[in-house]
C-alpha cells in the first residue's frame, strides 16, 4: 500500500492541474465570446475570419489546423460564413482540385471592425499575469500541445 501513495499523489496533482487548466480555458473562451457581442458570429466563425484576415486565403484543411476544429465542423462553419456573405470558396489557382476559402469585402470589413476589441479583451484578460508569466504559460501550453504531435 505504501508504494501506491506516490502514484495517487501524482494522479491527484495531475487531475487538479487539469481542472484548473480547463477552468482557465473556459474563462478565456467566455471572455472572447462575450466580446463578439451582437455580431452574430460564433467563436469558430470569428476564428476562421481572423485566420483568413491575418494569413490570407487557405484550404479547408489548413484552416481546420489553424482554428483547431474538425473538417466536418469547418465545412458547416464556412457554409454559414458564405450565407452571411463574409467568405467564399473558390478553386485554388495552382491546383483546381483544391478549394480555398477567401474573405469577401464584407468579411474583411467585419473582422477589421471586431478584431481590435477582441484583441483588447484578450490583453485585458491576460493582464492578470505579468509578461514573464504570460510567456511561461505560453511555453507550458506549447509543451503540453506538442505532446501528441511529437
N, C-alpha and C. Protein backbone atom coordinates (compact mmCIF):
# COMPACT_ATOMS: atom_id res chain seq x y z
N UNK A 1 0.80 -1.20 0.00
CA UNK A 1 0.00 0.00 0.00
C UNK A 1 0.84 1.27 0.00
N UNK A 2 1.96 1.25 0.71
CA UNK A 2 2.80 2.45 0.79
C UNK A 2 3.34 2.83 -0.58
N UNK A 3 3.58 1.83 -1.45
CA UNK A 3 4.09 2.11 -2.80
C UNK A 3 3.05 2.80 -3.67
N UNK A 4 1.77 2.67 -3.34
CA UNK A 4 0.69 3.26 -4.12
C UNK A 4 0.54 4.76 -3.85
N UNK A 5 1.06 5.25 -2.73
CA UNK A 5 0.90 6.65 -2.34
C UNK A 5 1.51 7.63 -3.35
N UNK A 6 2.74 7.43 -3.84
CA UNK A 6 3.28 8.37 -4.83
C UNK A 6 2.43 8.43 -6.10
N UNK A 7 1.88 7.29 -6.52
CA UNK A 7 1.02 7.26 -7.71
C UNK A 7 -0.23 8.09 -7.48
N UNK A 8 -0.87 7.90 -6.33
CA UNK A 8 -2.09 8.66 -6.02
C UNK A 8 -1.80 10.15 -5.90
N UNK A 9 -0.66 10.48 -5.34
CA UNK A 9 -0.28 11.87 -5.21
C UNK A 9 -0.08 12.50 -6.60
N UNK A 10 0.60 11.80 -7.51
CA UNK A 10 0.80 12.29 -8.88
C UNK A 10 -0.53 12.40 -9.61
N UNK A 11 -1.39 11.39 -9.37
CA UNK A 11 -2.71 11.41 -10.02
C UNK A 11 -3.52 12.61 -9.54
N UNK A 12 -3.54 12.83 -8.24
CA UNK A 12 -4.30 13.95 -7.67
C UNK A 12 -3.78 15.28 -8.22
N UNK A 13 -2.46 15.44 -8.28
CA UNK A 13 -1.86 16.66 -8.80
C UNK A 13 -2.21 16.86 -10.28
N UNK A 14 -2.11 15.78 -11.07
CA UNK A 14 -2.42 15.88 -12.50
C UNK A 14 -3.88 16.25 -12.71
N UNK A 15 -4.78 15.61 -12.01
CA UNK A 15 -6.21 15.90 -12.17
C UNK A 15 -6.55 17.30 -11.70
N UNK A 16 -5.97 17.71 -10.60
CA UNK A 16 -6.19 19.05 -10.06
C UNK A 16 -5.70 20.12 -11.06
N UNK A 17 -4.53 19.89 -11.61
CA UNK A 17 -3.96 20.81 -12.58
C UNK A 17 -4.82 20.86 -13.84
N UNK A 18 -5.28 19.70 -14.28
CA UNK A 18 -6.14 19.62 -15.47
C UNK A 18 -7.42 20.44 -15.27
N UNK A 19 -8.05 20.30 -14.12
CA UNK A 19 -9.27 21.05 -13.83
C UNK A 19 -9.00 22.56 -13.87
N UNK A 20 -7.89 22.98 -13.30
CA UNK A 20 -7.53 24.40 -13.31
C UNK A 20 -7.28 24.90 -14.74
N UNK A 21 -6.62 24.08 -15.55
CA UNK A 21 -6.37 24.43 -16.94
C UNK A 21 -7.68 24.58 -17.71
N UNK A 22 -8.61 23.65 -17.51
CA UNK A 22 -9.90 23.70 -18.20
C UNK A 22 -10.72 24.91 -17.75
N UNK A 23 -10.67 25.23 -16.45
CA UNK A 23 -11.40 26.41 -15.97
C UNK A 23 -10.83 27.69 -16.56
N UNK A 24 -9.51 27.77 -16.63
CA UNK A 24 -8.88 28.94 -17.24
C UNK A 24 -9.23 29.04 -18.72
N UNK A 25 -9.20 27.91 -19.43
CA UNK A 25 -9.55 27.91 -20.85
C UNK A 25 -11.01 28.32 -21.05
N UNK A 26 -11.90 27.83 -20.20
CA UNK A 26 -13.31 28.22 -20.29
C UNK A 26 -13.50 29.71 -20.02
N UNK A 27 -12.76 30.24 -19.06
CA UNK A 27 -12.83 31.68 -18.77
C UNK A 27 -12.38 32.49 -19.97
N UNK A 28 -11.28 32.07 -20.59
CA UNK A 28 -10.77 32.76 -21.77
C UNK A 28 -11.79 32.69 -22.90
N UNK A 29 -12.38 31.53 -23.11
CA UNK A 29 -13.39 31.35 -24.17
C UNK A 29 -14.59 32.26 -23.90
N UNK A 30 -15.02 32.35 -22.65
CA UNK A 30 -16.17 33.20 -22.30
C UNK A 30 -15.87 34.67 -22.55
N UNK A 31 -14.66 35.10 -22.23
CA UNK A 31 -14.26 36.48 -22.50
C UNK A 31 -14.30 36.76 -23.99
N UNK A 32 -13.74 35.85 -24.77
CA UNK A 32 -13.71 36.03 -26.23
C UNK A 32 -15.12 36.04 -26.80
N UNK A 33 -15.97 35.14 -26.35
CA UNK A 33 -17.35 35.07 -26.86
C UNK A 33 -18.14 36.32 -26.48
N UNK A 34 -17.95 36.80 -25.27
CA UNK A 34 -18.67 37.99 -24.80
C UNK A 34 -18.37 39.20 -25.69
N UNK A 35 -17.14 39.32 -26.11
CA UNK A 35 -16.75 40.49 -26.89
C UNK A 35 -17.10 40.38 -28.37
N UNK A 36 -17.70 39.27 -28.76
CA UNK A 36 -18.24 39.20 -30.12
C UNK A 36 -19.56 39.94 -30.19
N UNK A 37 -20.14 40.15 -28.99
CA UNK A 37 -21.34 40.97 -28.89
C UNK A 37 -22.45 40.55 -29.82
N UNK A 38 -23.02 41.53 -30.49
CA UNK A 38 -24.16 41.30 -31.37
C UNK A 38 -23.73 41.02 -32.80
N UNK A 39 -22.51 40.59 -33.00
CA UNK A 39 -22.00 40.36 -34.36
C UNK A 39 -22.71 39.20 -35.05
N UNK A 40 -23.31 38.30 -34.26
CA UNK A 40 -23.96 37.13 -34.83
C UNK A 40 -22.98 36.02 -35.18
N UNK A 41 -21.71 36.19 -34.82
CA UNK A 41 -20.69 35.20 -35.13
C UNK A 41 -20.44 34.28 -33.94
N UNK A 42 -20.17 33.02 -34.23
CA UNK A 42 -19.71 32.10 -33.20
C UNK A 42 -18.19 32.29 -33.06
N UNK A 43 -17.64 31.72 -32.00
CA UNK A 43 -16.18 31.81 -31.81
C UNK A 43 -15.44 31.15 -32.97
N UNK A 44 -15.96 30.03 -33.47
CA UNK A 44 -15.28 29.35 -34.58
C UNK A 44 -15.38 30.18 -35.85
N UNK A 45 -16.52 30.79 -36.11
CA UNK A 45 -16.66 31.66 -37.28
C UNK A 45 -15.68 32.83 -37.18
N UNK A 46 -15.61 33.42 -36.00
CA UNK A 46 -14.67 34.53 -35.80
C UNK A 46 -13.24 34.05 -36.03
N UNK A 47 -12.90 32.87 -35.51
CA UNK A 47 -11.54 32.33 -35.66
C UNK A 47 -11.19 32.13 -37.13
N UNK A 48 -12.15 31.65 -37.91
CA UNK A 48 -11.92 31.46 -39.35
C UNK A 48 -11.69 32.81 -40.02
N UNK A 49 -12.54 33.78 -39.74
CA UNK A 49 -12.37 35.12 -40.33
C UNK A 49 -11.03 35.73 -39.94
N UNK A 50 -10.67 35.57 -38.67
CA UNK A 50 -9.40 36.13 -38.18
C UNK A 50 -8.21 35.46 -38.87
N UNK A 51 -8.26 34.14 -39.02
CA UNK A 51 -7.16 33.43 -39.69
C UNK A 51 -7.03 33.88 -41.14
N UNK A 52 -8.15 34.00 -41.83
CA UNK A 52 -8.11 34.44 -43.23
C UNK A 52 -7.63 35.88 -43.35
N UNK A 53 -8.03 36.71 -42.40
CA UNK A 53 -7.64 38.12 -42.41
C UNK A 53 -6.13 38.28 -42.23
N UNK A 54 -5.58 37.53 -41.28
CA UNK A 54 -4.16 37.67 -40.97
C UNK A 54 -3.24 36.80 -41.82
N UNK A 55 -3.74 35.67 -42.32
CA UNK A 55 -2.88 34.73 -43.04
C UNK A 55 -3.21 34.63 -44.53
N UNK A 56 -4.36 35.14 -44.93
CA UNK A 56 -4.75 35.08 -46.33
C UNK A 56 -5.53 33.82 -46.65
N UNK A 57 -5.93 33.68 -47.92
CA UNK A 57 -6.72 32.52 -48.34
C UNK A 57 -6.05 31.20 -48.00
N UNK A 58 -6.86 30.23 -47.57
CA UNK A 58 -6.33 28.92 -47.18
C UNK A 58 -7.31 27.83 -47.56
N UNK A 59 -6.80 26.61 -47.66
CA UNK A 59 -7.65 25.45 -47.89
C UNK A 59 -8.41 25.14 -46.59
N UNK A 60 -9.47 24.38 -46.73
CA UNK A 60 -10.24 23.99 -45.55
C UNK A 60 -9.37 23.22 -44.55
N UNK A 61 -8.50 22.34 -45.03
CA UNK A 61 -7.68 21.56 -44.09
C UNK A 61 -6.68 22.46 -43.36
N UNK A 62 -6.13 23.47 -44.05
CA UNK A 62 -5.21 24.40 -43.38
C UNK A 62 -5.95 25.22 -42.33
N UNK A 63 -7.15 25.66 -42.66
CA UNK A 63 -7.95 26.43 -41.70
C UNK A 63 -8.28 25.56 -40.49
N UNK A 64 -8.67 24.33 -40.73
CA UNK A 64 -9.02 23.42 -39.63
C UNK A 64 -7.87 23.28 -38.65
N UNK A 65 -6.64 23.18 -39.17
CA UNK A 65 -5.46 23.08 -38.30
C UNK A 65 -5.26 24.38 -37.52
N UNK A 66 -5.44 25.51 -38.18
CA UNK A 66 -5.21 26.80 -37.53
C UNK A 66 -6.22 27.09 -36.43
N UNK A 67 -7.48 26.73 -36.66
CA UNK A 67 -8.51 27.09 -35.68
C UNK A 67 -8.91 25.91 -34.78
N UNK A 68 -8.18 24.79 -34.91
CA UNK A 68 -8.36 23.64 -34.04
C UNK A 68 -9.78 23.10 -34.06
N UNK A 69 -10.27 22.81 -35.25
CA UNK A 69 -11.59 22.22 -35.38
C UNK A 69 -11.53 21.08 -36.39
N UNK A 70 -12.60 20.32 -36.47
CA UNK A 70 -12.64 19.19 -37.40
C UNK A 70 -13.06 19.67 -38.78
N UNK A 71 -12.72 18.88 -39.78
CA UNK A 71 -13.10 19.22 -41.15
C UNK A 71 -14.60 19.30 -41.34
N UNK A 72 -15.32 18.37 -40.73
CA UNK A 72 -16.78 18.38 -40.84
C UNK A 72 -17.40 19.63 -40.25
N UNK A 73 -16.95 20.01 -39.08
CA UNK A 73 -17.46 21.22 -38.45
C UNK A 73 -17.08 22.44 -39.29
N UNK A 74 -15.88 22.45 -39.80
CA UNK A 74 -15.42 23.60 -40.58
C UNK A 74 -16.24 23.77 -41.86
N UNK A 75 -16.63 22.69 -42.49
CA UNK A 75 -17.46 22.78 -43.69
C UNK A 75 -18.76 23.52 -43.38
N UNK A 76 -19.37 23.20 -42.24
CA UNK A 76 -20.59 23.89 -41.83
C UNK A 76 -20.31 25.36 -41.50
N UNK A 77 -19.24 25.62 -40.79
CA UNK A 77 -18.89 26.99 -40.40
C UNK A 77 -18.67 27.85 -41.65
N UNK A 78 -17.88 27.34 -42.60
CA UNK A 78 -17.61 28.10 -43.82
C UNK A 78 -18.90 28.28 -44.62
N UNK A 79 -19.74 27.26 -44.65
CA UNK A 79 -21.04 27.39 -45.32
C UNK A 79 -21.86 28.51 -44.73
N UNK A 80 -21.86 28.62 -43.41
CA UNK A 80 -22.60 29.70 -42.74
C UNK A 80 -21.97 31.06 -43.02
N UNK A 81 -20.64 31.12 -43.08
CA UNK A 81 -19.97 32.38 -43.42
C UNK A 81 -20.31 32.80 -44.86
N UNK A 82 -20.43 31.81 -45.75
CA UNK A 82 -20.82 32.11 -47.13
C UNK A 82 -22.25 32.65 -47.17
N UNK A 83 -23.15 32.05 -46.42
CA UNK A 83 -24.55 32.52 -46.38
C UNK A 83 -24.63 33.97 -45.90
N UNK A 84 -23.72 34.33 -44.99
CA UNK A 84 -23.70 35.70 -44.47
C UNK A 84 -22.93 36.66 -45.38
N UNK A 85 -22.33 36.12 -46.44
CA UNK A 85 -21.58 36.95 -47.37
C UNK A 85 -20.22 37.38 -46.86
N UNK A 86 -19.67 36.63 -45.89
CA UNK A 86 -18.39 37.01 -45.27
C UNK A 86 -17.19 36.30 -45.87
N UNK A 87 -17.42 35.16 -46.49
CA UNK A 87 -16.34 34.37 -47.10
C UNK A 87 -16.92 33.62 -48.28
N UNK A 88 -16.01 33.13 -49.12
CA UNK A 88 -16.45 32.29 -50.24
C UNK A 88 -15.38 31.26 -50.54
N UNK A 89 -15.83 30.14 -51.09
CA UNK A 89 -14.91 29.09 -51.53
C UNK A 89 -14.64 29.29 -53.01
N UNK A 90 -13.40 29.04 -53.39
CA UNK A 90 -13.04 29.10 -54.80
C UNK A 90 -11.93 28.09 -55.06
N UNK A 91 -11.76 27.74 -56.32
CA UNK A 91 -10.70 26.79 -56.67
C UNK A 91 -9.34 27.47 -56.54
N UNK A 92 -8.38 26.72 -56.03
CA UNK A 92 -7.01 27.20 -55.90
C UNK A 92 -6.43 27.36 -57.30
N UNK A 93 -5.82 28.51 -57.61
CA UNK A 93 -5.26 28.71 -58.94
C UNK A 93 -4.16 27.70 -59.30
N UNK A 94 -3.38 27.26 -58.30
CA UNK A 94 -2.28 26.33 -58.55
C UNK A 94 -2.75 24.89 -58.71
N UNK A 95 -3.87 24.54 -58.06
CA UNK A 95 -4.39 23.17 -58.13
C UNK A 95 -5.91 23.25 -58.06
N UNK A 96 -6.55 23.17 -59.19
CA UNK A 96 -8.00 23.36 -59.28
C UNK A 96 -8.79 22.31 -58.49
N UNK A 97 -8.13 21.23 -58.06
CA UNK A 97 -8.82 20.22 -57.25
C UNK A 97 -9.03 20.70 -55.81
N UNK A 98 -8.24 21.68 -55.41
CA UNK A 98 -8.27 22.17 -54.03
C UNK A 98 -9.16 23.41 -53.95
N UNK A 99 -10.05 23.40 -52.95
CA UNK A 99 -10.87 24.57 -52.67
C UNK A 99 -10.19 25.41 -51.60
N UNK A 100 -10.13 26.69 -51.81
CA UNK A 100 -9.62 27.60 -50.79
C UNK A 100 -10.74 28.52 -50.36
N UNK A 101 -10.60 29.07 -49.18
CA UNK A 101 -11.59 29.99 -48.63
C UNK A 101 -10.95 31.37 -48.61
N UNK A 102 -11.70 32.34 -49.10
CA UNK A 102 -11.22 33.72 -49.13
C UNK A 102 -12.26 34.62 -48.46
N UNK A 103 -11.78 35.70 -47.88
CA UNK A 103 -12.68 36.70 -47.31
C UNK A 103 -13.31 37.52 -48.42
N UNK A 104 -14.56 37.89 -48.24
CA UNK A 104 -15.19 38.85 -49.13
C UNK A 104 -14.89 40.25 -48.58
N UNK A 105 -15.25 41.27 -49.33
CA UNK A 105 -15.07 42.64 -48.84
C UNK A 105 -15.86 42.85 -47.54
N UNK A 106 -17.05 42.28 -47.49
CA UNK A 106 -17.87 42.38 -46.27
C UNK A 106 -17.19 41.67 -45.11
N UNK A 107 -16.60 40.49 -45.38
CA UNK A 107 -15.90 39.75 -44.33
C UNK A 107 -14.71 40.52 -43.80
N UNK A 108 -13.95 41.15 -44.71
CA UNK A 108 -12.81 41.97 -44.27
C UNK A 108 -13.28 43.12 -43.40
N UNK A 109 -14.37 43.74 -43.79
CA UNK A 109 -14.90 44.87 -43.02
C UNK A 109 -15.33 44.42 -41.62
N UNK A 110 -16.01 43.30 -41.55
CA UNK A 110 -16.48 42.79 -40.25
C UNK A 110 -15.31 42.45 -39.34
N UNK A 111 -14.34 41.70 -39.83
CA UNK A 111 -13.22 41.28 -38.97
C UNK A 111 -12.36 42.49 -38.60
N UNK A 112 -12.22 43.42 -39.52
CA UNK A 112 -11.44 44.63 -39.24
C UNK A 112 -12.08 45.44 -38.11
N UNK A 113 -13.40 45.45 -38.06
CA UNK A 113 -14.12 46.18 -37.00
C UNK A 113 -14.08 45.42 -35.68
N UNK A 114 -14.18 44.09 -35.73
CA UNK A 114 -14.26 43.29 -34.50
C UNK A 114 -12.91 42.99 -33.85
N UNK A 115 -11.88 42.82 -34.67
CA UNK A 115 -10.62 42.34 -34.13
C UNK A 115 -10.01 43.25 -33.05
N UNK A 116 -9.99 44.57 -33.22
CA UNK A 116 -9.37 45.40 -32.17
C UNK A 116 -10.01 45.23 -30.80
N UNK A 117 -11.34 45.15 -30.73
CA UNK A 117 -11.98 44.98 -29.42
C UNK A 117 -11.74 43.56 -28.89
N UNK A 118 -11.67 42.58 -29.77
CA UNK A 118 -11.35 41.22 -29.36
C UNK A 118 -9.94 41.18 -28.77
N UNK A 119 -8.99 41.75 -29.48
CA UNK A 119 -7.60 41.76 -29.01
C UNK A 119 -7.49 42.49 -27.67
N UNK A 120 -8.18 43.60 -27.54
CA UNK A 120 -8.14 44.36 -26.29
C UNK A 120 -8.71 43.54 -25.13
N UNK A 121 -9.78 42.79 -25.39
CA UNK A 121 -10.38 41.96 -24.34
C UNK A 121 -9.41 40.85 -23.91
N UNK A 122 -8.71 40.26 -24.87
CA UNK A 122 -7.76 39.21 -24.55
C UNK A 122 -6.57 39.78 -23.77
N UNK A 123 -6.09 40.95 -24.20
CA UNK A 123 -4.98 41.60 -23.48
C UNK A 123 -5.39 41.88 -22.04
N UNK A 124 -6.61 42.39 -21.86
CA UNK A 124 -7.09 42.69 -20.50
C UNK A 124 -7.20 41.40 -19.68
N UNK A 125 -7.75 40.35 -20.27
CA UNK A 125 -7.89 39.07 -19.58
C UNK A 125 -6.52 38.53 -19.16
N UNK A 126 -5.57 38.58 -20.07
CA UNK A 126 -4.24 38.03 -19.80
C UNK A 126 -3.41 38.92 -18.87
N UNK A 127 -3.82 40.17 -18.69
CA UNK A 127 -3.04 41.10 -17.86
C UNK A 127 -3.03 40.71 -16.39
N UNK A 128 -3.83 39.72 -16.03
CA UNK A 128 -3.75 39.16 -14.68
C UNK A 128 -2.35 38.61 -14.43
N UNK A 129 -1.72 38.15 -15.53
CA UNK A 129 -0.35 37.65 -15.47
C UNK A 129 0.60 38.71 -15.99
N UNK A 130 1.77 38.84 -15.39
CA UNK A 130 2.76 39.78 -15.92
C UNK A 130 3.36 39.17 -17.19
N UNK A 131 4.09 39.97 -17.98
CA UNK A 131 4.62 39.46 -19.26
C UNK A 131 5.46 38.18 -19.13
N UNK A 132 6.27 38.08 -18.09
CA UNK A 132 7.07 36.86 -17.91
C UNK A 132 6.18 35.65 -17.64
N UNK A 133 5.14 35.85 -16.83
CA UNK A 133 4.21 34.76 -16.54
C UNK A 133 3.45 34.34 -17.81
N UNK A 134 3.07 35.33 -18.62
CA UNK A 134 2.38 35.02 -19.88
C UNK A 134 3.27 34.18 -20.79
N UNK A 135 4.53 34.56 -20.89
CA UNK A 135 5.47 33.81 -21.73
C UNK A 135 5.65 32.39 -21.18
N UNK A 136 5.80 32.28 -19.87
CA UNK A 136 5.98 30.97 -19.24
C UNK A 136 4.75 30.09 -19.47
N UNK A 137 3.56 30.67 -19.28
CA UNK A 137 2.33 29.92 -19.52
C UNK A 137 2.25 29.49 -20.98
N UNK A 138 2.59 30.38 -21.88
CA UNK A 138 2.59 30.04 -23.30
C UNK A 138 3.54 28.88 -23.60
N UNK A 139 4.72 28.91 -23.00
CA UNK A 139 5.69 27.83 -23.19
C UNK A 139 5.15 26.50 -22.64
N UNK A 140 4.53 26.56 -21.47
CA UNK A 140 3.96 25.35 -20.87
C UNK A 140 2.83 24.79 -21.75
N UNK A 141 1.99 25.66 -22.25
CA UNK A 141 0.88 25.22 -23.11
C UNK A 141 1.42 24.61 -24.40
N UNK A 142 2.45 25.21 -24.97
CA UNK A 142 3.07 24.65 -26.19
C UNK A 142 3.62 23.26 -25.90
N UNK A 143 4.27 23.12 -24.74
CA UNK A 143 4.85 21.82 -24.37
C UNK A 143 3.74 20.76 -24.25
N UNK A 144 2.64 21.12 -23.61
CA UNK A 144 1.52 20.18 -23.50
C UNK A 144 0.93 19.88 -24.87
N UNK A 145 0.79 20.89 -25.70
CA UNK A 145 0.20 20.72 -27.02
C UNK A 145 1.04 19.88 -27.95
N UNK A 146 2.34 19.94 -27.80
CA UNK A 146 3.25 19.19 -28.67
C UNK A 146 3.35 17.73 -28.27
N UNK A 147 2.82 17.38 -27.13
CA UNK A 147 2.92 16.01 -26.64
C UNK A 147 2.29 15.03 -27.63
N UNK A 148 1.19 15.39 -28.25
CA UNK A 148 0.52 14.49 -29.18
C UNK A 148 1.04 14.59 -30.60
N UNK A 149 1.70 15.71 -30.93
CA UNK A 149 2.20 15.90 -32.30
C UNK A 149 3.64 15.47 -32.44
N UNK A 150 4.25 15.07 -31.35
CA UNK A 150 5.63 14.57 -31.42
C UNK A 150 6.55 15.61 -31.12
